Amino acid sequence: LVVKQQLIDAIVKTTNESTAPGPKPSPAD
């Protein structure tokens, strides 16, 4: 819970750098 925001940031960064086809989830999602 303490590092939740860091986890969210890492997932958003990984998702943005992903080259997988299809729609990407928004950072809010």
PDB file of all heavy atoms in Angstrom:
ATOM      1  N   LEU A   1       0.830  -1.213   0.000  1.00  0.00           N
ATOM      2  CA  LEU A   1       0.000   0.000   0.000  1.00  0.00           C
ATOM      3  C   LEU A   1       0.863   1.261   0.000  1.00  0.00           C
ATOM      4  O   LEU A   1       0.520   2.258  -0.648  1.00  0.00           O
ATOM      5  CB  LEU A   1      -0.926   0.016   1.222  1.00  0.00           C
ATOM      6  CG  LEU A   1      -2.175  -0.840   1.144  1.00  0.00           C
ATOM      7  CD1 LEU A   1      -2.868  -0.909   2.497  1.00  0.00           C
ATOM      8  CD2 LEU A   1      -3.125  -0.304   0.089  1.00  0.00           C
ATOM      9  N   VAL A   2       1.981   1.220   0.715  1.00  0.00           N
ATOM     10  CA  VAL A   2       2.871   2.382   0.800  1.00  0.00           C
ATOM     11  C   VAL A   2       3.491   2.694  -0.566  1.00  0.00           C
ATOM     12  O   VAL A   2       3.628   3.864  -0.937  1.00  0.00           O
ATOM     13  CB  VAL A   2       3.966   2.146   1.869  1.00  0.00           C
ATOM     14  CG1 VAL A   2       5.048   3.200   1.805  1.00  0.00           C
ATOM     15  CG2 VAL A   2       3.336   2.112   3.259  1.00  0.00           C
ATOM     16  N   VAL A   3       3.845   1.661  -1.320  1.00  0.00           N
ATOM     17  CA  VAL A   3       4.502   1.876  -2.619  1.00  0.00           C
ATOM     18  C   VAL A   3       3.510   1.777  -3.789  1.00  0.00           C
ATOM     19  O   VAL A   3       3.922   1.596  -4.931  1.00  0.00           O
ATOM     20  CB  VAL A   3       5.674   0.892  -2.824  1.00  0.00           C
ATOM     21  CG1 VAL A   3       6.740   1.088  -1.771  1.00  0.00           C
ATOM     22  CG2 VAL A   3       5.195  -0.538  -2.872  1.00  0.00           C
ATOM     23  N   LYS A   4       2.231   1.909  -3.490  1.00  0.00           N
ATOM     24  CA  LYS A   4       1.193   1.763  -4.516  1.00  0.00           C
ATOM     25  C   LYS A   4       1.409   2.725  -5.679  1.00  0.00           C
ATOM     26  O   LYS A   4       1.323   2.339  -6.848  1.00  0.00           O
ATOM     27  CB  LYS A   4      -0.186   1.979  -3.900  1.00  0.00           C
ATOM     28  CG  LYS A   4      -1.327   1.891  -4.891  1.00  0.00           C
ATOM     29  CD  LYS A   4      -2.647   2.178  -4.233  1.00  0.00           C
ATOM     30  CE  LYS A   4      -2.662   3.638  -3.904  1.00  0.00           C
ATOM     31  NZ  LYS A   4      -3.937   4.242  -3.689  1.00  0.00           N
ATOM     32  N   GLN A   5       1.733   3.978  -5.410  1.00  0.00           N
ATOM     33  CA  GLN A   5       1.895   4.964  -6.484  1.00  0.00           C
ATOM     34  C   GLN A   5       3.091   4.622  -7.370  1.00  0.00           C
ATOM     35  O   GLN A   5       3.025   4.767  -8.581  1.00  0.00           O
ATOM     36  CB  GLN A   5       2.031   6.384  -5.915  1.00  0.00           C
ATOM     37  CG  GLN A   5       1.985   7.464  -6.971  1.00  0.00           C
ATOM     38  CD  GLN A   5       0.703   7.418  -7.805  1.00  0.00           C
ATOM     39  OE1 GLN A   5      -0.394   7.319  -7.283  1.00  0.00           O
ATOM     40  NE2 GLN A   5       0.847   7.478  -9.125  1.00  0.00           N
ATOM     41  N   GLN A   6       4.169   4.153  -6.765  1.00  0.00           N
ATOM     42  CA  GLN A   6       5.326   3.733  -7.563  1.00  0.00           C
ATOM     43  C   GLN A   6       4.958   2.554  -8.467  1.00  0.00           C
ATOM     44  O   GLN A   6       5.399   2.475  -9.618  1.00  0.00           O
ATOM     45  CB  GLN A   6       6.489   3.346  -6.649  1.00  0.00           C
ATOM     46  CG  GLN A   6       7.055   4.512  -5.866  1.00  0.00           C
ATOM     47  CD  GLN A   6       8.039   4.047  -4.806  1.00  0.00           C
ATOM     48  OE1 GLN A   6       8.150   2.866  -4.514  1.00  0.00           O
ATOM     49  NE2 GLN A   6       8.764   5.001  -4.227  1.00  0.00           N
ATOM     50  N   LEU A   7       4.145   1.654  -7.955  1.00  0.00           N
ATOM     51  CA  LEU A   7       3.680   0.514  -8.743  1.00  0.00           C
ATOM     52  C   LEU A   7       2.822   0.992  -9.915  1.00  0.00           C
ATOM     53  O   LEU A   7       2.995   0.538 -11.047  1.00  0.00           O
ATOM     54  CB  LEU A   7       2.891  -0.441  -7.850  1.00  0.00           C
ATOM     55  CG  LEU A   7       2.344  -1.712  -8.480  1.00  0.00           C
ATOM     56  CD1 LEU A   7       3.477  -2.587  -8.994  1.00  0.00           C
ATOM     57  CD2 LEU A   7       1.517  -2.482  -7.464  1.00  0.00           C
ATOM     58  N   ILE A   8       1.932   1.925  -9.655  1.00  0.00           N
ATOM     59  CA  ILE A   8       1.083   2.478 -10.719  1.00  0.00           C
ATOM     60  C   ILE A   8       1.943   3.152 -11.779  1.00  0.00           C
ATOM     61  O   ILE A   8       1.741   2.953 -12.987  1.00  0.00           O
ATOM     62  CB  ILE A   8       0.048   3.467 -10.131  1.00  0.00           C
ATOM     63  CG1 ILE A   8      -0.979   2.710  -9.287  1.00  0.00           C
ATOM     64  CG2 ILE A   8      -0.650   4.261 -11.234  1.00  0.00           C
ATOM     65  CD1 ILE A   8      -1.890   3.592  -8.467  1.00  0.00           C
ATOM     66  N   ASP A   9       2.913   3.956 -11.349  1.00  0.00           N
ATOM     67  CA  ASP A   9       3.795   4.647 -12.303  1.00  0.00           C
ATOM     68  C   ASP A   9       4.564   3.647 -13.167  1.00  0.00           C
ATOM     69  O   ASP A   9       4.730   3.852 -14.371  1.00  0.00           O
ATOM     70  CB  ASP A   9       4.763   5.573 -11.563  1.00  0.00           C
ATOM     71  CG  ASP A   9       4.048   6.732 -10.867  1.00  0.00           C
ATOM     72  OD1 ASP A   9       2.889   7.034 -11.240  1.00  0.00           O
ATOM     73  OD2 ASP A   9       4.649   7.330  -9.945  1.00  0.00           O
ATOM     74  N   ALA A  10       5.047   2.573 -12.555  1.00  0.00           N
ATOM     75  CA  ALA A  10       5.799   1.555 -13.308  1.00  0.00           C
ATOM     76  C   ALA A  10       4.901   0.860 -14.333  1.00  0.00           C
ATOM     77  O   ALA A  10       5.330   0.604 -15.468  1.00  0.00           O
ATOM     78  CB  ALA A  10       6.405   0.535 -12.353  1.00  0.00           C
ATOM     79  N   ILE A  11       3.665   0.570 -13.960  1.00  0.00           N
ATOM     80  CA  ILE A  11       2.743  -0.079 -14.897  1.00  0.00           C
ATOM     81  C   ILE A  11       2.380   0.858 -16.040  1.00  0.00           C
ATOM     82  O   ILE A  11       2.342   0.447 -17.203  1.00  0.00           O
ATOM     83  CB  ILE A  11       1.481  -0.576 -14.153  1.00  0.00           C
ATOM     84  CG1 ILE A  11       1.850  -1.687 -13.171  1.00  0.00           C
ATOM     85  CG2 ILE A  11       0.431  -1.075 -15.147  1.00  0.00           C
ATOM     86  CD1 ILE A  11       0.717  -2.095 -12.249  1.00  0.00           C
ATOM     87  N   VAL A  12       2.152   2.137 -15.730  1.00  0.00           N
ATOM     88  CA  VAL A  12       1.831   3.120 -16.781  1.00  0.00           C
ATOM     89  C   VAL A  12       3.008   3.252 -17.741  1.00  0.00           C
ATOM     90  O   VAL A  12       2.830   3.263 -18.971  1.00  0.00           O
ATOM     91  CB  VAL A  12       1.453   4.485 -16.157  1.00  0.00           C
ATOM     92  CG1 VAL A  12       1.419   5.583 -17.214  1.00  0.00           C
ATOM     93  CG2 VAL A  12       0.122   4.391 -15.447  1.00  0.00           C
ATOM     94  N   LYS A  13       4.220   3.320 -17.193  1.00  0.00           N
ATOM     95  CA  LYS A  13       5.410   3.449 -18.036  1.00  0.00           C
ATOM     96  C   LYS A  13       5.575   2.227 -18.937  1.00  0.00           C
ATOM     97  O   LYS A  13       5.843   2.357 -20.140  1.00  0.00           O
ATOM     98  CB  LYS A  13       6.653   3.638 -17.158  1.00  0.00           C
ATOM     99  CG  LYS A  13       7.924   3.802 -17.947  1.00  0.00           C
ATOM    100  CD  LYS A  13       9.119   3.968 -17.027  1.00  0.00           C
ATOM    101  CE  LYS A  13      10.392   4.037 -17.854  1.00  0.00           C
ATOM    102  NZ  LYS A  13      11.571   4.026 -17.007  1.00  0.00           N
ATOM    103  N   THR A  14       5.402   1.042 -18.375  1.00  0.00           N
ATOM    104  CA  THR A  14       5.512  -0.194 -19.157  1.00  0.00           C
ATOM    105  C   THR A  14       4.440  -0.255 -20.235  1.00  0.00           C
ATOM    106  O   THR A  14       4.715  -0.665 -21.366  1.00  0.00           O
ATOM    107  CB  THR A  14       5.392  -1.421 -18.231  1.00  0.00           C
ATOM    108  OG1 THR A  14       6.380  -1.340 -17.214  1.00  0.00           O
ATOM    109  CG2 THR A  14       5.553  -2.713 -18.995  1.00  0.00           C
ATOM    110  N   THR A  15       3.255   0.178 -19.904  1.00  0.00           N
ATOM    111  CA  THR A  15       2.158   0.159 -20.875  1.00  0.00           C
ATOM    112  C   THR A  15       2.422   1.142 -22.015  1.00  0.00           C
ATOM    113  O   THR A  15       2.176   0.828 -23.183  1.00  0.00           O
ATOM    114  CB  THR A  15       0.824   0.506 -20.183  1.00  0.00           C
ATOM    115  OG1 THR A  15       0.603  -0.409 -19.107  1.00  0.00           O
ATOM    116  CG2 THR A  15      -0.342   0.416 -21.149  1.00  0.00           C
ATOM    117  N   ASN A  16       2.930   2.323 -21.684  1.00  0.00           N
ATOM    118  CA  ASN A  16       3.217   3.322 -22.718  1.00  0.00           C
ATOM    119  C   ASN A  16       4.350   2.884 -23.636  1.00  0.00           C
ATOM    120  O   ASN A  16       4.365   3.226 -24.817  1.00  0.00           O
ATOM    121  CB  ASN A  16       3.534   4.677 -22.088  1.00  0.00           C
ATOM    122  CG  ASN A  16       2.294   5.318 -21.481  1.00  0.00           C
ATOM    123  OD1 ASN A  16       1.168   5.004 -21.859  1.00  0.00           O
ATOM    124  ND2 ASN A  16       2.503   6.210 -20.536  1.00  0.00           N
ATOM    125  N   GLU A  17       5.322   2.145 -23.115  1.00  0.00           N
ATOM    126  CA  GLU A  17       6.461   1.695 -23.913  1.00  0.00           C
ATOM    127  C   GLU A  17       6.152   0.422 -24.688  1.00  0.00           C
ATOM    128  O   GLU A  17       6.929   0.010 -25.547  1.00  0.00           O
ATOM    129  CB  GLU A  17       7.670   1.447 -22.997  1.00  0.00           C
ATOM    130  CG  GLU A  17       8.209   2.715 -22.368  1.00  0.00           C
ATOM    131  CD  GLU A  17       9.303   2.435 -21.350  1.00  0.00           C
ATOM    132  OE1 GLU A  17       9.587   1.252 -21.064  1.00  0.00           O
ATOM    133  OE2 GLU A  17       9.876   3.409 -20.847  1.00  0.00           O
ATOM    134  N   SER A  18       5.021  -0.195 -24.388  1.00  0.00           N
ATOM    135  CA  SER A  18       4.655  -1.450 -25.031  1.00  0.00           C
ATOM    136  C   SER A  18       4.338  -1.221 -26.509  1.00  0.00           C
ATOM    137  O   SER A  18       3.733  -0.232 -26.897  1.00  0.00           O
ATOM    138  CB  SER A  18       3.429  -2.045 -24.339  1.00  0.00           C
ATOM    139  OG  SER A  18       2.975  -3.158 -25.048  1.00  0.00           O
ATOM    140  N   THR A  19       4.775  -2.169 -27.328  1.00  0.00           N
ATOM    141  CA  THR A  19       4.495  -2.098 -28.762  1.00  0.00           C
ATOM    142  C   THR A  19       3.401  -3.083 -29.160  1.00  0.00           C
ATOM    143  O   THR A  19       3.208  -3.361 -30.337  1.00  0.00           O
ATOM    144  CB  THR A  19       5.780  -2.405 -29.564  1.00  0.00           C
ATOM    145  OG1 THR A  19       6.238  -3.710 -29.211  1.00  0.00           O
ATOM    146  CG2 THR A  19       6.846  -1.365 -29.298  1.00  0.00           C
ATOM    147  N   ALA A  20       2.705  -3.599 -28.190  1.00  0.00           N
ATOM    148  CA  ALA A  20       1.642  -4.565 -28.462  1.00  0.00           C
ATOM    149  C   ALA A  20       0.503  -3.871 -29.210  1.00  0.00           C
ATOM    150  O   ALA A  20       0.180  -2.719 -28.931  1.00  0.00           O
ATOM    151  CB  ALA A  20       1.128  -5.156 -27.162  1.00  0.00           C
ATOM    152  N   PRO A  21      -0.079  -4.592 -30.157  1.00  0.00           N
ATOM    153  CA  PRO A  21      -1.197  -3.984 -30.902  1.00  0.00           C
ATOM    154  C   PRO A  21      -2.447  -3.883 -30.023  1.00  0.00           C
ATOM    155  O   PRO A  21      -2.587  -4.605 -29.050  1.00  0.00           O
ATOM    156  CB  PRO A  21      -1.419  -4.954 -32.061  1.00  0.00           C
ATOM    157  CG  PRO A  21      -0.905  -6.266 -31.576  1.00  0.00           C
ATOM    158  CD  PRO A  21       0.224  -5.937 -30.639  1.00  0.00           C
ATOM    159  N   GLY A  22      -3.311  -2.987 -30.392  1.00  0.00           N
ATOM    160  CA  GLY A  22      -4.574  -2.836 -29.682  1.00  0.00           C
ATOM    161  C   GLY A  22      -4.581  -1.597 -28.815  1.00  0.00           C
ATOM    162  O   GLY A  22      -3.558  -0.917 -28.643  1.00  0.00           O
ATOM    163  N   PRO A  23      -5.754  -1.294 -28.279  1.00  0.00           N
ATOM    164  CA  PRO A  23      -5.875  -0.094 -27.449  1.00  0.00           C
ATOM    165  C   PRO A  23      -5.140  -0.264 -26.116  1.00  0.00           C
ATOM    166  O   PRO A  23      -5.096  -1.358 -25.550  1.00  0.00           O
ATOM    167  CB  PRO A  23      -7.374   0.053 -27.247  1.00  0.00           C
ATOM    168  CG  PRO A  23      -7.931  -1.314 -27.446  1.00  0.00           C
ATOM    169  CD  PRO A  23      -7.023  -1.991 -28.424  1.00  0.00           C
ATOM    170  N   LYS A  24      -4.577   0.830 -25.655  1.00  0.00           N
ATOM    171  CA  LYS A  24      -3.866   0.824 -24.379  1.00  0.00           C
ATOM    172  C   LYS A  24      -4.780   1.435 -23.313  1.00  0.00           C
ATOM    173  O   LYS A  24      -5.483   2.405 -23.574  1.00  0.00           O
ATOM    174  CB  LYS A  24      -2.570   1.634 -24.484  1.00  0.00           C
ATOM    175  CG  LYS A  24      -1.578   1.012 -25.428  1.00  0.00           C
ATOM    176  CD  LYS A  24      -0.307   1.811 -25.485  1.00  0.00           C
ATOM    177  CE  LYS A  24       0.644   1.168 -26.490  1.00  0.00           C
ATOM    178  NZ  LYS A  24       1.841   1.933 -26.676  1.00  0.00           N
ATOM    179  N   PRO A  25      -4.741   0.863 -22.109  1.00  0.00           N
ATOM    180  CA  PRO A  25      -5.579   1.443 -21.043  1.00  0.00           C
ATOM    181  C   PRO A  25      -5.051   2.817 -20.640  1.00  0.00           C
ATOM    182  O   PRO A  25      -3.853   3.082 -20.707  1.00  0.00           O
ATOM    183  CB  PRO A  25      -5.459   0.438 -19.905  1.00  0.00           C
ATOM    184  CG  PRO A  25      -4.216  -0.324 -20.178  1.00  0.00           C
ATOM    185  CD  PRO A  25      -4.015  -0.311 -21.651  1.00  0.00           C
ATOM    186  N   SER A  26      -5.964   3.645 -20.195  1.00  0.00           N
ATOM    187  CA  SER A  26      -5.569   4.985 -19.765  1.00  0.00           C
ATOM    188  C   SER A  26      -4.891   4.903 -18.401  1.00  0.00           C
ATOM    189  O   SER A  26      -5.114   3.959 -17.640  1.00  0.00           O
ATOM    190  CB  SER A  26      -6.789   5.899 -19.693  1.00  0.00           C
ATOM    191  OG  SER A  26      -7.623   5.498 -18.611  1.00  0.00           O
ATOM    192  N   PRO A  27      -4.067   5.900 -18.061  1.00  0.00           N
ATOM    193  CA  PRO A  27      -3.441   5.908 -16.737  1.00  0.00           C
ATOM    194  C   PRO A  27      -4.467   5.895 -15.603  1.00  0.00           C
ATOM    195  O   PRO A  27      -4.213   5.300 -14.548  1.00  0.00           O
ATOM    196  CB  PRO A  27      -2.628   7.204 -16.739  1.00  0.00           C
ATOM    197  CG  PRO A  27      -2.310   7.439 -18.184  1.00  0.00           C
ATOM    198  CD  PRO A  27      -3.514   6.935 -18.930  1.00  0.00           C
ATOM    199  N   ALA A  28      -5.624   6.507 -15.823  1.00  0.00           N
ATOM    200  CA  ALA A  28      -6.665   6.501 -14.788  1.00  0.00           C
ATOM    201  C   ALA A  28      -7.210   5.082 -14.576  1.00  0.00           C
ATOM    202  O   ALA A  28      -7.472   4.672 -13.428  1.00  0.00           O
ATOM    203  CB  ALA A  28      -7.789   7.448 -15.166  1.00  0.00           C
ATOM    204  N   ASP A  29      -7.393   4.336 -15.678  1.00  0.00           N
ATOM    205  CA  ASP A  29      -7.866   2.958 -15.560  1.00  0.00           C
ATOM    206  C   ASP A  29      -6.832   2.082 -14.853  1.00  0.00           C
ATOM    207  O   ASP A  29      -7.184   1.234 -14.034  1.00  0.00           O
ATOM    208  CB  ASP A  29      -8.170   2.376 -16.939  1.00  0.00           C
ATOM    209  CG  ASP A  29      -9.402   2.982 -17.586  1.00  0.00           C
ATOM    210  OD1 ASP A  29     -10.217   3.582 -16.846  1.00  0.00           O
ATOM    211  OD2 ASP A  29      -9.539   2.870 -18.819  1.00  0.00           O
TER     212      ASP A  29
END
